[in-house]
PDB file of N, CA and C in Angstrom:
ATOM      1  N   MET A   1     -49.979  62.237 -81.004  1.00  0.00           N
ATOM      2  CA  MET A   1     -50.752  61.303 -81.056  1.00  0.00           C
ATOM      3  C   MET A   1     -51.576  60.765 -80.022  1.00  0.00           C
ATOM      4  N   ALA A   2     -51.198  60.964 -78.637  1.00  0.00           N
ATOM      5  CA  ALA A   2     -51.696  60.614 -77.408  1.00  0.00           C
ATOM      6  C   ALA A   2     -53.023  61.156 -77.106  1.00  0.00           C
ATOM      7  N   MET A   3     -52.721  62.547 -77.546  1.00  0.00           N
ATOM      8  CA  MET A   3     -54.093  63.287 -77.489  1.00  0.00           C
ATOM      9  C   MET A   3     -55.151  62.872 -78.310  1.00  0.00           C
ATOM     10  N   PRO A   4     -55.139  62.755 -79.392  1.00  0.00           N
ATOM     11  CA  PRO A   4     -56.304  62.391 -80.222  1.00  0.00           C
ATOM     12  C   PRO A   4     -57.057  60.980 -79.889  1.00  0.00           C
ATOM     13  N   LEU A   5     -55.998  60.176 -79.594  1.00  0.00           N
ATOM     14  CA  LEU A   5     -56.287  58.625 -79.022  1.00  0.00           C
ATOM     15  C   LEU A   5     -56.741  58.738 -77.716  1.00  0.00           C
ATOM     16  N   ALA A   6     -56.302  59.567 -77.146  1.00  0.00           N
ATOM     17  CA  ALA A   6     -57.166  59.373 -75.391  1.00  0.00           C
ATOM     18  C   ALA A   6     -58.430  60.244 -76.000  1.00  0.00           C
ATOM     19  N   GLY A   7     -58.730  61.277 -76.540  1.00  0.00           N
ATOM     20  CA  GLY A   7     -60.073  61.753 -76.921  1.00  0.00           C
ATOM     21  C   GLY A   7     -60.929  60.881 -77.187  1.00  0.00           C
ATOM     22  N   LEU A   8     -60.413  60.093 -78.377  1.00  0.00           N
ATOM     23  CA  LEU A   8     -61.419  59.005 -78.962  1.00  0.00           C
ATOM     24  C   LEU A   8     -61.612  58.153 -78.258  1.00  0.00           C
ATOM     25  N   ARG A   9     -60.731  57.335 -77.318  1.00  0.00           N
ATOM     26  CA  ARG A   9     -61.040  56.359 -75.867  1.00  0.00           C
ATOM     27  C   ARG A   9     -62.080  56.817 -75.140  1.00  0.00           C
ATOM     28  N   ALA A  10     -62.156  58.280 -74.711  1.00  0.00           N
ATOM     29  CA  ALA A  10     -63.011  58.951 -73.965  1.00  0.00           C
ATOM     30  C   ALA A  10     -64.579  58.989 -74.519  1.00  0.00           C
ATOM     31  N   SER A  11     -64.029  59.095 -75.829  1.00  0.00           N
ATOM     32  CA  SER A  11     -65.711  59.483 -76.745  1.00  0.00           C
ATOM     33  C   SER A  11     -66.063  58.031 -77.013  1.00  0.00           C
ATOM     34  N   LEU A  12     -65.223  57.336 -77.320  1.00  0.00           N
ATOM     35  CA  LEU A  12     -65.658  55.840 -77.167  1.00  0.00           C
ATOM     36  C   LEU A  12     -65.048  54.666 -76.396  1.00  0.00           C
ATOM     37  N   PRO A  13     -65.771  54.713 -75.087  1.00  0.00           N
ATOM     38  CA  PRO A  13     -65.375  53.793 -74.015  1.00  0.00           C
ATOM     39  C   PRO A  13     -66.012  52.480 -74.528  1.00  0.00           C
ATOM     40  N   ARG A  14     -66.613  52.180 -75.242  1.00  0.00           N
ATOM     41  CA  ARG A  14     -67.190  50.837 -75.417  1.00  0.00           C
ATOM     42  C   ARG A  14     -66.497  50.256 -76.350  1.00  0.00           C
ATOM     43  N   VAL A  15     -65.616  50.568 -77.204  1.00  0.00           N
ATOM     44  CA  VAL A  15     -64.753  50.375 -78.013  1.00  0.00           C
ATOM     45  C   VAL A  15     -63.618  50.034 -77.515  1.00  0.00           C
ATOM     46  N   ARG A  16     -63.002  48.950 -77.367  1.00  0.00           N
ATOM     47  CA  ARG A  16     -61.881  48.639 -76.917  1.00  0.00           C
ATOM     48  C   ARG A  16     -60.865  47.749 -77.695  1.00  0.00           C
ATOM     49  N   GLY A  17     -59.767  48.271 -77.443  1.00  0.00           N
ATOM     50  CA  GLY A  17     -58.346  47.338 -78.334  1.00  0.00           C
ATOM     51  C   GLY A  17     -58.570  47.327 -79.742  1.00  0.00           C
ATOM     52  N   PRO A  18     -59.069  46.119 -79.912  1.00  0.00           N
ATOM     53  CA  PRO A  18     -58.961  45.146 -81.228  1.00  0.00           C
ATOM     54  C   PRO A  18     -60.012  46.391 -82.465  1.00  0.00           C
ATOM     55  N   VAL A  19     -61.112  46.663 -82.123  1.00  0.00           N
ATOM     56  CA  VAL A  19     -62.017  47.247 -82.784  1.00  0.00           C
ATOM     57  C   VAL A  19     -61.334  49.145 -83.057  1.00  0.00           C
ATOM     58  N   ILE A  20     -60.555  49.126 -81.784  1.00  0.00           N
ATOM     59  CA  ILE A  20     -60.476  50.929 -82.087  1.00  0.00           C
ATOM     60  C   ILE A  20     -58.800  51.010 -83.110  1.00  0.00           C
ATOM     61  N   ARG A  21     -58.045  49.687 -82.496  1.00  0.00           N
ATOM     62  CA  ARG A  21     -56.674  49.606 -82.599  1.00  0.00           C
ATOM     63  C   ARG A  21     -56.486  49.344 -84.207  1.00  0.00           C
ATOM     64  N   VAL A  22     -57.492  48.785 -85.023  1.00  0.00           N
ATOM     65  CA  VAL A  22     -57.498  48.347 -86.244  1.00  0.00           C
ATOM     66  C   VAL A  22     -57.938  49.455 -87.243  1.00  0.00           C
ATOM     67  N   PRO A  23     -58.750  50.145 -87.091  1.00  0.00           N
ATOM     68  CA  PRO A  23     -59.364  51.289 -87.973  1.00  0.00           C
ATOM     69  C   PRO A  23     -58.732  52.798 -87.398  1.00  0.00           C
ATOM     70  N   ALA A  24     -58.506  52.458 -86.197  1.00  0.00           N
ATOM     71  CA  ALA A  24     -57.650  54.373 -85.629  1.00  0.00           C
ATOM     72  C   ALA A  24     -56.339  54.548 -86.473  1.00  0.00           C
ATOM     73  N   PRO A  25     -55.203  53.925 -86.398  1.00  0.00           N
ATOM     74  CA  PRO A  25     -54.516  54.112 -86.881  1.00  0.00           C
ATOM     75  C   PRO A  25     -54.204  54.807 -88.249  1.00  0.00           C
ATOM     76  N   PRO A  26     -54.888  54.315 -89.253  1.00  0.00           N
ATOM     77  CA  PRO A  26     -55.029  55.042 -90.297  1.00  0.00           C
ATOM     78  C   PRO A  26     -55.782  56.150 -90.688  1.00  0.00           C
ATOM     79  N   CYS A  27     -57.004  56.220 -89.811  1.00  0.00           N
ATOM     80  CA  CYS A  27     -58.122  57.326 -89.934  1.00  0.00           C
ATOM     81  C   CYS A  27     -57.346  58.469 -89.098  1.00  0.00           C
ATOM     82  N   LEU A  28     -56.640  58.153 -87.876  1.00  0.00           N
ATOM     83  CA  LEU A  28     -56.135  58.958 -87.014  1.00  0.00           C
ATOM     84  C   LEU A  28     -54.842  59.802 -87.609  1.00  0.00           C
ATOM     85  N   LYS A  29     -54.136  59.103 -88.486  1.00  0.00           N
ATOM     86  CA  LYS A  29     -52.812  59.602 -89.297  1.00  0.00           C
ATOM     87  C   LYS A  29     -53.310  60.512 -90.394  1.00  0.00           C
ATOM     88  N   LEU A  30     -54.445  60.033 -90.839  1.00  0.00           N
ATOM     89  CA  LEU A  30     -54.986  61.212 -91.926  1.00  0.00           C
ATOM     90  C   LEU A  30     -55.393  62.095 -91.384  1.00  0.00           C
ATOM     91  N   GLU A  31     -55.982  62.040 -90.550  1.00  0.00           N
ATOM     92  CA  GLU A  31     -56.807  63.428 -89.541  1.00  0.00           C
ATOM     93  C   GLU A  31     -55.736  64.088 -89.678  1.00  0.00           C
ATOM     94  N   ILE A  32     -54.918  63.653 -88.703  1.00  0.00           N
ATOM     95  CA  ILE A  32     -53.902  64.494 -87.942  1.00  0.00           C
ATOM     96  C   ILE A  32     -52.772  65.080 -89.077  1.00  0.00           C
ATOM     97  N   HIS A  33     -52.633  64.420 -90.422  1.00  0.00           N
ATOM     98  CA  HIS A  33     -51.814  64.940 -91.283  1.00  0.00           C
ATOM     99  C   HIS A  33     -52.956  66.103 -91.950  1.00  0.00           C
ATOM    100  N   ASP A  34     -54.011  65.652 -92.131  1.00  0.00           N
ATOM    101  CA  ASP A  34     -54.872  67.319 -92.421  1.00  0.00           C
ATOM    102  C   ASP A  34     -55.016  68.296 -91.638  1.00  0.00           C
ATOM    103  N   ARG A  35     -54.968  68.028 -90.401  1.00  0.00           N
ATOM    104  CA  ARG A  35     -54.793  69.311 -89.506  1.00  0.00           C
ATOM    105  C   ARG A  35     -53.476  70.004 -89.206  1.00  0.00           C
ATOM    106  N   ASN A  36     -52.382  69.194 -89.455  1.00  0.00           N
ATOM    107  CA  ASN A  36     -51.097  69.743 -89.704  1.00  0.00           C
ATOM    108  C   ASN A  36     -50.634  70.275 -90.740  1.00  0.00           C
ATOM    109  N   ARG A  37     -51.671  70.076 -91.699  1.00  0.00           N
ATOM    110  CA  ARG A  37     -51.356  70.692 -92.966  1.00  0.00           C
ATOM    111  C   ARG A  37     -51.999  72.301 -93.166  1.00  0.00           C
ATOM    112  N   THR A  38     -53.019  72.032 -92.634  1.00  0.00           N
ATOM    113  CA  THR A  38     -54.085  73.051 -92.304  1.00  0.00           C
ATOM    114  C   THR A  38     -53.286  74.307 -91.883  1.00  0.00           C
ATOM    115  N   GLU A  39     -52.916  73.870 -90.223  1.00  0.00           N
ATOM    116  CA  GLU A  39     -51.956  74.579 -89.654  1.00  0.00           C
ATOM    117  C   GLU A  39     -51.197  75.055 -90.115  1.00  0.00           C
ATOM    118  N   SER A  40     -50.181  74.185 -90.868  1.00  0.00           N
ATOM    119  CA  SER A  40     -48.844  74.922 -91.386  1.00  0.00           C
ATOM    120  C   SER A  40     -49.038  75.979 -92.858  1.00  0.00           C
ATOM    121  N   THR A  41     -50.209  75.408 -93.167  1.00  0.00           N
ATOM    122  CA  THR A  41     -50.776  76.421 -94.354  1.00  0.00           C
ATOM    123  C   THR A  41     -50.923  78.148 -93.577  1.00  0.00           C
TER     124      THR A  41
END
């Protein structure tokens, strides 16, 4: 989770804490799950 979060933060330096904190967790979790599933298959 540290890698994707860091990448997002680097990609969106303007977005700080609150803005990325709320919409990030669910979206990140879904994307990570999707990637893990694809890699697992």
